N, C-alpha and C. Protein backbone atom coordinates (compact mmCIF):
# COMPACT_ATOMS: atom_id res chain seq x y z
N UNK A 1 -18.28 0.65 6.72
CA UNK A 1 -17.18 1.14 5.70
C UNK A 1 -17.20 0.24 4.76
N UNK A 2 -16.75 0.35 3.79
CA UNK A 2 -16.44 -0.48 2.70
C UNK A 2 -15.22 -0.63 2.71
N UNK A 3 -14.26 -1.25 2.10
CA UNK A 3 -12.93 -1.72 2.27
C UNK A 3 -12.32 -1.02 0.83
N UNK A 4 -13.06 -0.70 0.12
CA UNK A 4 -12.63 0.27 -0.88
C UNK A 4 -12.59 1.55 -0.40
N UNK A 5 -13.68 2.21 0.38
CA UNK A 5 -14.05 3.31 0.83
C UNK A 5 -12.65 3.52 1.95
N UNK A 6 -12.28 2.58 2.72
CA UNK A 6 -11.34 2.77 3.45
C UNK A 6 -9.71 3.43 2.65
N UNK A 7 -9.43 2.60 1.52
CA UNK A 7 -8.31 2.69 1.14
C UNK A 7 -8.76 4.22 0.48
N UNK A 8 -9.82 4.68 0.04
CA UNK A 8 -9.85 5.91 -1.07
C UNK A 8 -9.96 7.27 -0.34
N UNK A 9 -11.19 6.77 0.34
CA UNK A 9 -11.48 8.32 1.47
C UNK A 9 -10.73 8.64 1.87
N UNK A 10 -9.61 8.88 2.58
CA UNK A 10 -8.67 9.58 2.92
C UNK A 10 -7.70 10.76 1.75
N UNK A 11 -7.79 9.76 0.49
CA UNK A 11 -7.64 10.35 -1.13
C UNK A 11 -8.39 11.35 -1.80
N UNK A 12 -9.64 10.94 -1.15
CA UNK A 12 -11.03 11.50 -2.35
C UNK A 12 -10.50 12.90 -2.64
N UNK A 13 -10.79 13.69 -1.86
CA UNK A 13 -10.69 14.93 -2.14
C UNK A 13 -9.98 15.87 -1.73
N UNK A 14 -8.58 15.11 -1.89
CA UNK A 14 -7.32 15.75 -2.14
C UNK A 14 -6.97 16.18 -3.59
N UNK A 15 -6.91 17.65 -4.05
CA UNK A 15 -6.34 17.90 -4.85
C UNK A 15 -5.45 18.02 -5.57
N UNK A 16 -4.51 18.07 -4.79
CA UNK A 16 -3.25 17.80 -5.13
C UNK A 16 -2.50 16.70 -4.27
N UNK A 17 -1.35 16.07 -5.07
CA UNK A 17 -0.52 15.34 -4.98
C UNK A 17 0.43 15.59 -3.50
N UNK A 18 0.70 14.48 -2.80
CA UNK A 18 1.81 14.73 -1.42
C UNK A 18 2.80 14.43 -2.37
N UNK A 19 4.00 15.07 -1.56
CA UNK A 19 5.68 14.35 -1.33
C UNK A 19 5.30 13.53 -0.42
N UNK A 20 4.93 13.05 0.51
CA UNK A 20 5.04 12.13 1.41
C UNK A 20 3.79 11.59 2.07
N UNK A 21 3.59 10.30 1.73
CA UNK A 21 2.04 9.48 2.18
C UNK A 21 2.95 8.49 3.36
N UNK A 22 2.16 8.30 4.52
CA UNK A 22 2.71 7.37 4.92
C UNK A 22 1.34 6.62 5.75
N UNK A 23 1.33 5.14 5.41
CA UNK A 23 0.45 3.96 5.85
C UNK A 23 0.37 3.30 7.05
N UNK A 24 -0.94 3.45 7.57
CA UNK A 24 -0.56 2.68 8.83
C UNK A 24 -2.36 1.90 8.92
N UNK A 25 -2.62 1.13 9.62
CA UNK A 25 -3.93 0.62 10.06
C UNK A 25 -4.32 -0.36 8.81
N UNK A 26 -5.42 -1.21 8.20
CA UNK A 26 -5.57 -2.08 7.55
C UNK A 26 -5.15 -1.81 5.83
N UNK A 27 -5.60 -3.05 5.67
CA UNK A 27 -5.07 -3.09 4.05
C UNK A 27 -4.13 -2.25 3.54
N UNK A 28 -2.64 -1.83 3.95
CA UNK A 28 -1.92 -1.31 3.96
C UNK A 28 -1.01 -1.42 2.24
N UNK A 29 -1.08 -2.90 2.01
CA UNK A 29 -0.13 -2.54 0.84
C UNK A 29 -0.80 -2.53 -0.41
N UNK A 30 -2.93 -2.63 -0.41
CA UNK A 30 -3.24 -1.60 -1.68
C UNK A 30 -3.55 -0.01 -1.36
N UNK A 31 -3.32 0.02 -0.21
CA UNK A 31 -3.17 2.07 0.20
C UNK A 31 -1.80 2.21 -0.72
N UNK A 32 -0.65 1.91 -0.02
CA UNK A 32 0.56 1.94 -0.68
C UNK A 32 0.29 2.22 -2.39
N UNK A 33 -0.29 1.51 -3.07
CA UNK A 33 -0.20 1.60 -4.13
C UNK A 33 -1.18 2.51 -4.85
N UNK A 34 -2.16 2.51 -4.21
CA UNK A 34 -3.04 3.89 -4.25
C UNK A 34 -3.00 4.85 -4.12
N UNK A 35 -2.27 4.97 -2.95
CA UNK A 35 -0.75 6.42 -3.21
C UNK A 35 -0.32 6.80 -3.92
N UNK A 36 0.54 6.23 -4.36
CA UNK A 36 1.06 5.84 -5.44
C UNK A 36 0.88 6.67 -6.98
N UNK A 37 -1.04 5.96 -7.00
CA UNK A 37 -1.76 6.36 -7.96
C UNK A 37 -2.37 7.92 -8.02
N UNK A 38 -3.19 8.07 -6.68
CA UNK A 38 -3.10 9.75 -6.10
C UNK A 38 -2.01 10.35 -6.70
N UNK A 39 -0.85 10.29 -6.66
CA UNK A 39 -0.06 10.99 -6.81
C UNK A 39 0.11 11.46 -8.13
N UNK A 40 0.35 10.43 -9.34
CA UNK A 40 0.26 10.31 -10.53
C UNK A 40 -0.85 11.05 -11.09
N UNK A 41 -1.81 10.83 -10.84
CA UNK A 41 -3.17 11.46 -11.11
C UNK A 41 -3.06 12.98 -10.55
N UNK A 42 -2.87 13.22 -8.96
CA UNK A 42 -2.59 14.75 -9.12
C UNK A 42 -1.28 15.01 -9.59
N UNK A 43 -0.44 14.50 -10.30
CA UNK A 43 0.22 15.16 -11.01
C UNK A 43 1.62 15.70 -10.25
N UNK A 44 1.65 14.73 -9.28
CA UNK A 44 2.90 14.65 -8.48
C UNK A 44 3.86 14.14 -9.25
N UNK A 45 5.23 14.32 -8.76
CA UNK A 45 6.65 13.84 -9.49
C UNK A 45 7.01 12.73 -9.16
N UNK A 46 6.96 11.78 -9.88
CA UNK A 46 7.10 10.55 -9.80
C UNK A 46 8.43 9.94 -8.77
N UNK A 47 9.47 11.13 -9.54
CA UNK A 47 10.94 10.76 -8.71
C UNK A 47 10.67 11.13 -7.28
N UNK A 48 9.99 11.90 -6.85
CA UNK A 48 10.24 13.06 -5.70
C UNK A 48 9.12 12.12 -4.83
N UNK A 49 8.13 11.08 -5.20
CA UNK A 49 6.75 10.74 -4.29
C UNK A 49 7.23 9.88 -3.30
N UNK A 50 7.37 9.94 -2.55
CA UNK A 50 7.76 8.90 -1.23
C UNK A 50 6.44 8.07 -0.40
N UNK A 51 6.03 6.61 0.19
CA UNK A 51 5.32 6.26 0.71
C UNK A 51 5.88 5.12 1.47
N UNK A 52 5.21 5.72 2.78
CA UNK A 52 6.45 5.21 4.04
C UNK A 52 4.57 4.01 4.62
N UNK A 53 5.21 2.60 4.72
CA UNK A 53 4.08 1.82 5.94
C UNK A 53 4.51 1.21 6.82
N UNK A 54 3.90 1.16 7.96
CA UNK A 54 4.18 0.99 9.17
C UNK A 54 4.23 -1.05 9.19
N UNK A 55 4.73 -1.28 9.90
CA UNK A 55 4.76 -2.86 10.62
C UNK A 55 5.40 -3.91 9.20
N UNK A 56 5.91 -3.35 8.80
CA UNK A 56 6.33 -3.83 7.07
C UNK A 56 7.08 -5.40 7.39
N UNK A 57 8.36 -5.00 8.39
CA UNK A 57 9.06 -6.49 8.05
C UNK A 57 8.62 -7.50 8.83
N UNK A 58 7.82 -7.92 9.54
CA UNK A 58 6.85 -8.94 9.55
C UNK A 58 5.53 -9.58 8.58
N UNK A 59 6.06 -9.25 7.93
CA UNK A 59 4.60 -9.24 6.88
C UNK A 59 4.89 -9.72 5.50
N UNK A 60 5.14 -11.40 5.82
CA UNK A 60 6.02 -11.05 4.15
C UNK A 60 5.32 -11.14 2.43
N UNK A 61 3.51 -10.52 3.21
CA UNK A 61 2.72 -10.38 1.49
C UNK A 61 3.42 -9.34 1.48
N UNK A 62 3.55 -8.17 2.08
CA UNK A 62 3.86 -7.27 2.03
C UNK A 62 5.01 -6.71 1.16
N UNK A 63 5.88 -7.85 1.24
CA UNK A 63 7.49 -7.40 0.42
C UNK A 63 6.94 -7.91 -1.33
N UNK A 64 5.87 -8.32 -1.77
CA UNK A 64 5.46 -8.09 -3.06
C UNK A 64 5.75 -6.89 -3.58
N UNK A 65 5.42 -5.73 -2.66
CA UNK A 65 5.78 -4.38 -3.16
C UNK A 65 6.87 -4.00 -3.91
N UNK A 66 8.19 -4.82 -3.94
CA UNK A 66 9.38 -4.98 -4.10
C UNK A 66 9.72 -5.05 -5.37
N UNK A 67 8.20 -6.04 -5.78
CA UNK A 67 8.56 -6.31 -7.45
C UNK A 67 8.65 -5.19 -8.26
N UNK A 68 7.65 -4.13 -7.83
CA UNK A 68 7.50 -2.58 -8.42
C UNK A 68 7.98 -1.59 -8.22
N UNK A 69 8.24 -1.32 -6.92
CA UNK A 69 8.67 -0.29 -5.59
C UNK A 69 9.87 -0.71 -4.90
N UNK A 70 11.02 0.79 -5.14
CA UNK A 70 12.26 0.88 -4.80
C UNK A 70 12.02 1.00 -3.31
N UNK A 71 12.52 -0.15 -2.18
CA UNK A 71 12.21 -0.04 -0.98
C UNK A 71 13.59 1.15 -0.53
N UNK A 72 13.83 1.89 -0.11
CA UNK A 72 14.65 2.85 1.01
C UNK A 72 14.78 2.65 2.21
N UNK A 73 16.41 2.86 2.33
CA UNK A 73 16.81 2.07 3.21
C UNK A 73 17.14 3.30 4.41
N UNK A 74 16.43 3.58 5.73
CA UNK A 74 16.81 5.16 6.68
C UNK A 74 17.10 4.32 7.91
N UNK A 75 18.61 3.74 8.02
CA UNK A 75 18.60 3.44 9.35
C UNK A 75 18.00 4.09 10.52
N UNK A 76 17.91 5.27 10.73
CA UNK A 76 17.44 5.72 11.41
C UNK A 76 16.02 5.25 12.52
N UNK A 77 15.03 4.57 11.16
CA UNK A 77 13.48 4.73 11.20
C UNK A 77 13.54 3.14 11.16
N UNK A 78 14.87 2.10 11.27
CA UNK A 78 14.42 0.85 11.34
C UNK A 78 13.83 0.22 12.53
N UNK A 79 14.29 0.89 13.78
CA UNK A 79 13.54 0.28 14.96
C UNK A 79 11.79 0.83 15.37
N UNK A 80 11.53 1.32 13.62
CA UNK A 80 10.26 1.68 14.26
C UNK A 80 9.41 0.64 13.34
N UNK A 81 10.15 -0.32 13.15
CA UNK A 81 9.08 -1.38 11.85
C UNK A 81 8.39 -0.29 10.51
N UNK A 82 8.93 1.00 10.19
CA UNK A 82 8.54 1.20 9.27
C UNK A 82 9.60 1.20 8.16
N UNK A 83 9.21 1.51 6.59
CA UNK A 83 9.89 1.58 5.64
C UNK A 83 9.43 2.30 4.74
N UNK A 84 10.32 3.11 3.79
CA UNK A 84 9.99 4.02 2.73
C UNK A 84 9.90 3.78 1.01
N UNK A 85 8.89 3.64 0.37
CA UNK A 85 9.11 3.67 -0.73
C UNK A 85 9.07 4.62 -1.80
N UNK A 86 9.90 4.37 -3.09
CA UNK A 86 9.71 5.48 -4.17
C UNK A 86 9.27 4.37 -5.77
N UNK A 87 9.12 4.88 -6.56
CA UNK A 87 8.59 4.21 -7.72
C UNK A 87 10.13 3.81 -8.25
N UNK A 88 9.85 2.57 -9.38
CA UNK A 88 10.89 2.30 -9.68
C UNK A 88 11.15 2.85 -10.88
N UNK A 89 11.85 3.34 -12.05
CA UNK A 89 11.49 4.47 -12.81
C UNK A 89 10.68 3.81 -13.99
N UNK A 90 11.10 2.60 -14.25
CA UNK A 90 10.08 1.77 -15.22
C UNK A 90 8.55 1.43 -14.82
N UNK A 91 8.29 1.38 -13.42
CA UNK A 91 7.16 0.89 -13.25
C UNK A 91 6.17 2.08 -13.56
N UNK A 92 4.90 1.68 -14.23
CA UNK A 92 4.08 2.31 -15.04
C UNK A 92 2.73 2.42 -13.58
N UNK A 93 1.74 3.38 -13.97
CA UNK A 93 0.85 3.38 -13.76
C UNK A 93 -0.11 1.91 -13.59
N UNK A 94 -0.13 1.51 -14.49
CA UNK A 94 -0.53 -0.17 -14.93
C UNK A 94 0.11 -0.83 -14.12
N UNK A 95 1.31 -0.69 -14.00
CA UNK A 95 2.26 -1.93 -12.94
C UNK A 95 1.29 -1.98 -11.62
N UNK A 96 1.28 -0.56 -11.38
CA UNK A 96 0.29 -0.47 -10.09
C UNK A 96 -0.86 -0.69 -9.92
N UNK A 97 -1.81 -0.76 -10.76
CA UNK A 97 -2.99 -0.77 -10.81
C UNK A 97 -3.08 -2.57 -10.79
N UNK A 98 -2.59 -3.44 -11.85
CA UNK A 98 -2.38 -4.87 -11.60
C UNK A 98 -1.85 -5.81 -10.56
N UNK A 99 -0.94 -4.81 -9.60
CA UNK A 99 -0.42 -5.54 -8.24
C UNK A 99 -1.23 -4.98 -7.40
N UNK A 100 -2.35 -3.61 -7.50
CA UNK A 100 -3.21 -3.68 -6.58
C UNK A 100 -4.95 -4.78 -6.74
N UNK A 101 -5.04 -5.18 -7.69
CA UNK A 101 -5.62 -6.16 -8.36
C UNK A 101 -5.12 -7.26 -7.67
N UNK A 102 -4.01 -7.65 -7.35
CA UNK A 102 -3.23 -8.98 -6.53
C UNK A 102 -4.12 -8.92 -5.51
N UNK A 103 -3.74 -7.28 -4.80
CA UNK A 103 -4.28 -7.52 -3.50
C UNK A 103 -5.49 -7.50 -2.95
N UNK A 104 -6.20 -7.25 -4.25
CA UNK A 104 -7.75 -6.88 -3.80
C UNK A 104 -8.12 -8.32 -4.02
N UNK A 105 -7.70 -9.47 -4.56
CA UNK A 105 -7.84 -10.83 -5.20
C UNK A 105 -7.53 -11.54 -3.51
N UNK A 106 -6.42 -11.22 -3.06
CA UNK A 106 -5.53 -12.27 -2.10
C UNK A 106 -6.11 -11.54 -1.05
N UNK A 107 -6.39 -10.55 -0.54
CA UNK A 107 -6.73 -10.13 1.20
C UNK A 107 -8.24 -9.69 0.76
N UNK A 108 -9.15 -9.49 -0.08
CA UNK A 108 -10.36 -9.63 -0.38
C UNK A 108 -11.28 -10.41 -0.60
N UNK A 109 -10.24 -11.58 -0.39
CA UNK A 109 -11.04 -12.92 -1.01
C UNK A 109 -12.61 -13.32 -0.34
N UNK A 110 -13.62 -13.51 -0.64
CA UNK A 110 -14.61 -14.31 -0.27
C UNK A 110 -14.84 -15.46 0.67
N UNK A 111 -14.60 -15.51 2.05
CA UNK A 111 -14.02 -16.92 3.04
C UNK A 111 -15.42 -17.11 3.50
N UNK A 112 -16.13 -18.26 3.61
CA UNK A 112 -17.10 -18.47 4.02
C UNK A 112 -17.13 -18.82 5.15
N UNK A 113 -16.53 -17.95 5.88
CA UNK A 113 -16.67 -18.15 7.43
C UNK A 113 -17.50 -17.35 8.30
N UNK A 114 -16.95 -17.26 9.48
CA UNK A 114 -18.15 -15.89 10.29
C UNK A 114 -16.72 -14.84 9.81
N UNK A 115 -17.30 -13.39 10.65
CA UNK A 115 -16.49 -12.49 10.32
C UNK A 115 -15.26 -12.72 10.89
N UNK A 116 -14.99 -13.09 12.13
CA UNK A 116 -13.99 -13.11 13.23
C UNK A 116 -13.47 -13.97 12.27
N UNK A 117 -13.65 -14.83 12.03
CA UNK A 117 -12.59 -15.81 10.94
C UNK A 117 -11.97 -15.77 10.05
N UNK A 118 -13.07 -14.78 9.35
CA UNK A 118 -12.36 -14.01 8.11
C UNK A 118 -11.31 -13.28 8.44
N UNK A 119 -11.75 -12.45 9.35
CA UNK A 119 -10.74 -11.42 9.85
C UNK A 119 -9.65 -11.91 10.33
N UNK A 120 -9.63 -12.94 10.77
CA UNK A 120 -8.23 -14.19 11.88
C UNK A 120 -7.34 -14.48 10.28
N UNK A 121 -8.21 -14.76 9.73
CA UNK A 121 -7.57 -15.60 8.28
C UNK A 121 -6.89 -14.25 7.37
N UNK A 122 -7.51 -13.53 7.15
CA UNK A 122 -6.46 -12.28 6.44
C UNK A 122 -5.50 -12.03 7.23
N UNK A 123 -5.32 -11.79 8.81
CA UNK A 123 -4.08 -11.38 9.26
C UNK A 123 -2.93 -12.35 9.24
N UNK A 124 -3.49 -13.55 8.88
CA UNK A 124 -2.31 -14.68 9.13
C UNK A 124 -2.05 -14.35 7.73
N UNK A 125 -3.03 -13.83 6.53
CA UNK A 125 -2.27 -13.84 5.04
C UNK A 125 -1.35 -12.26 5.19
N UNK A 126 -1.62 -11.60 5.72
CA UNK A 126 -0.84 -10.96 6.16
C UNK A 126 -1.52 -9.26 5.76
N UNK A 127 -2.63 -9.23 5.34
CA UNK A 127 -3.41 -8.55 5.40
C UNK A 127 -3.78 -7.55 6.01
């Protein structure tokens, strides 16, 4: 299955936006961004949409999301290593799309190694 299918398949058939999305698995930063775009395209209220991501703290690359998204603090979930985001009021869909392209370039760079080495290098990048 392709990476883009992995990111889009859960959202493809959903006609309505969700209030809350939760991301775990591969390609988390890109999927967080696509979740916000899905909500926007499906009529979700940008002030109410929340997207959670698992295993956030130990992955410095994920912290780039804070350039365009506001990280919400919930003391009760800190030990789960999950965080939630909302859109900053000034963040546009174009901003989100541009950051998605950034993660696309960084996390899906063609590496001339075997598949196992490629996966290990991507994990080291935090993808």
